[in-house]
Amino acid sequence: MIYWKQRRGSLLEFLIDIDFSLKPSSLAPVLALYVLAISQLPIAIKTSAELACIGEVSNQLWKRSKTHANVNVIAVQKCNGAP
């Protein structure tokens, strides 16, 4: 088996080559894993956006108050939509 780092080309080309070299009976689990990975993308994007928001809001609050008390709690509440 050729490892990805030993080859030239993109990771996508490597994954396509792997899929075509598999037997038909093993394609179902591979396709299931692809579907599972693609279905998790919106959740990962939302989580990343929430983390970026929490970091930015907590940094701004900390600059204003110069104290760490409850800054992260307030940032989480603001970024998660709590009043």
Protein backbone atom coordinates (compact mmCIF):
# COMPACT_ATOMS: atom_id res chain seq x y z
CA MET A 1 0.00 0.00 0.00
CA ILE A 2 1.26 3.47 -0.85
CA TYR A 3 1.02 5.98 1.95
CA TRP A 4 -0.22 9.50 1.25
CA LYS A 5 3.02 11.25 2.28
CA GLN A 6 5.02 9.06 -0.08
CA ARG A 7 2.83 10.04 -3.04
CA ARG A 8 2.59 13.24 -4.94
CA GLY A 9 -0.86 14.70 -5.32
CA SER A 10 -3.73 15.74 -3.13
CA LEU A 11 -5.30 13.86 -0.26
CA LEU A 12 -8.55 13.68 -2.25
CA GLU A 13 -6.79 11.88 -5.11
CA PHE A 14 -5.32 9.45 -2.58
CA LEU A 15 -8.75 8.74 -1.08
CA ILE A 16 -10.27 8.21 -4.54
CA ASP A 17 -7.48 5.76 -5.39
CA ILE A 18 -8.17 3.85 -2.17
CA ASP A 19 -11.88 3.62 -2.96
CA PHE A 20 -11.31 2.22 -6.43
CA SER A 21 -8.84 -0.33 -5.14
CA LEU A 22 -11.31 -1.71 -2.57
CA LYS A 23 -13.53 -4.68 -3.19
CA PRO A 24 -17.22 -3.94 -3.80
CA SER A 25 -18.16 -5.54 -0.48
CA SER A 26 -16.05 -2.99 1.42
CA LEU A 27 -17.37 0.09 -0.38
CA ALA A 28 -20.50 0.35 1.80
CA PRO A 29 -18.59 1.08 5.03
CA VAL A 30 -16.38 3.60 3.22
CA LEU A 31 -19.40 5.40 1.77
CA ALA A 32 -21.09 5.32 5.18
CA LEU A 33 -18.03 6.97 6.72
CA TYR A 34 -18.02 9.65 4.02
CA VAL A 35 -21.70 10.41 4.65
CA LEU A 36 -21.09 10.52 8.40
CA ALA A 37 -18.15 12.91 7.97
CA ILE A 38 -20.08 15.21 5.64
CA SER A 39 -23.10 15.27 7.95
CA GLN A 40 -20.90 16.47 10.82
CA LEU A 41 -19.58 19.51 8.93
CA PRO A 42 -22.42 21.91 9.85
CA ILE A 43 -22.03 21.00 13.53
CA ALA A 44 -18.27 21.57 13.37
CA ILE A 45 -18.75 24.96 11.68
CA LYS A 46 -21.32 26.03 14.30
CA THR A 47 -19.06 24.93 17.16
CA SER A 48 -16.07 26.74 15.68
CA ALA A 49 -18.11 29.93 15.31
CA GLU A 50 -19.31 29.68 18.92
CA LEU A 51 -15.76 29.21 20.19
CA ALA A 52 -14.52 32.19 18.19
CA CYS A 53 -17.39 34.30 19.52
CA ILE A 54 -16.72 33.26 23.13
CA GLY A 55 -13.02 34.06 22.77
CA GLU A 56 -13.67 37.48 21.25
CA VAL A 57 -16.40 38.51 23.70
CA SER A 58 -14.45 37.32 26.75
CA ASN A 59 -11.37 39.20 25.53
CA GLN A 60 -13.37 42.42 25.08
CA LEU A 61 -15.04 42.06 28.49
CA TRP A 62 -11.72 41.36 30.16
CA LYS A 63 -10.17 44.47 28.59
CA ARG A 64 -13.02 46.60 29.95
CA SER A 65 -13.21 45.13 33.44
CA LYS A 66 -9.56 44.03 33.96
CA THR A 67 -10.85 41.12 36.03
CA HIS A 68 -11.40 37.47 35.22
CA ALA A 69 -14.45 37.12 37.46
CA ASN A 70 -17.43 35.84 35.45
CA VAL A 71 -16.03 37.09 32.12
CA ASN A 72 -16.19 33.64 30.52
CA VAL A 73 -19.65 32.94 31.94
CA ILE A 74 -21.01 36.17 30.45
CA ALA A 75 -19.30 35.45 27.11
CA VAL A 76 -20.81 31.96 26.91
CA GLN A 77 -24.25 33.34 27.72
CA LYS A 78 -23.99 36.05 25.04
CA CYS A 79 -22.68 33.70 22.35
CA ASN A 80 -25.15 30.91 23.04
CA GLY A 81 -28.12 33.26 22.80
CA ALA A 82 -29.03 33.42 26.48
CA PRO A 83 -30.47 36.78 27.62
